[in-house]
Amino acid sequence: MTIRRIPAVKLYFSREDLEQIKTDVEGILTSGMLTLGEYTRRFEHEFAKLCGVRNAIAVNSGTSALEIVLRAAGLKNEDEVLVPTNTFTATAATAIFVGLRPIFTDISSETLCIDAENVQRHLTNKTKAVFVVHIGGLVCPDIDNIGRICREKQILLFEDAAHAQGSTIDERHAGSLGDAGCFSFYPTKVMTTGEGGMITTDDDEIDKKARVLRDQGKESFHSSMIVRLGYNWRMTEISAAIGLAQLRRLPEIIEKRNKIAMYYDRQLSKLNRIRPLKNNRRVVSNYYKYPALLEIGLDRDKFKQELAEKGIACGGEVYWPPLHLQPIYRDLFNTREGDFPVAEDVCKRMVCLPMFSQMTQDEAQYVVEKVTEVSQSL
């Protein structure tokens, strides 16, 4: 019997986009302007327009975006930043690099995101910022309530929107919902520049400082005067050209992924041992990930192994293990199992089914058939 192969993710570049990128790269190389040029400015302008903000600052990674925002905001040593425990290490590590203390929180089992209750629980007089993480492309449904707490307490609200290019809540885009948003364009993301990131903000002071920090702390690109301690966090012109092509394609990409997600939702809702996340009508996700939760007692490793034997690759969970159970953070903060029981439970039972922009209905049907078989056999 022939086994079909369904990857967890797959890059999407149309033939038209590839030809346009080739033309753009040739023009860039001919011009000799390989960084912070016309393409970067255009990419920043178009991304700011998408998000509905005044400013967008292109950088070389999502991790750089996170650290730049924390530095540009002027937070001080030992200030505390709330971070949901189910996030990528960069959300917490960049705070440590800046001299801040990340304070982990639990999450909502329904959304996989931080919520106002968990924010309120961990506030102290040292709390100066909250990082909301839009998990798997789902904009945090409780972000407005979190925003109200932040305004009342005069705390900064940042979005780790690494997963959420083009995602919305109440027709407002990720990246426009706090003091600043941080995006990643890593190769697995819904849109990519190869490596790269973007900061979005309506705060002109954060914008000004971020542009200085990303270019070695120089007062301007054409100046040799160092006014801050910065790094080489620049995006290349070639990356920006790829980003422009992907940005033009983003509405189509999100539409395609939503069709696959809706099919998964309908079919998985018929099963007993695996369930999709509840669909929040206020949110339009880009479905960077399609997470679903296994029944308690269903062995995830066996589940994924059986699917792999049938040709289906599951994506990485968002996230397992959560940060408080990662060795480095256990050592740094003496965290342990049981500290954040909701995250530990749902992240341990999460699987992320294959999701990519050119996925066909036939491929999605094959995934559902095999998920059904495996869930019933274990």
Foldseek 3Di string as FASTA:
>chain_A
DDFAAFEQEDFDDDPVLVVLLVVQVVVCVVVVQWFPDDLQVVLFVVLCVLQVADTKHKWFFLLLQLLLLVVLVPDDAAQEEEDELLADCSNQVSCVVRRYHYDYWFPDLQQRWRAPVRVVVPDDPRHAEYETECPQQNHPPRLVVVVVVCVVSVHFYEYACQAHRNKFFQPRGQQERTQKYKYWQDRLHLHHLPGIIMMGHNDVSSRCSSQCQCCQQANDPPDPDRDDGHDPGTDTSSSSSSSVSRSVCQVLLQVQQVVLLVVCQVLQVVDDFKHFRDDDPRIRGSRSWGKIFGHPPPQPVQLQVQVVVSNWHWDQFSDPPGNLPDVVNCVVPVRDPPPHVSSRRRSNGMITGRTYRPDDPVNSVVSSVSSRVSSVVD
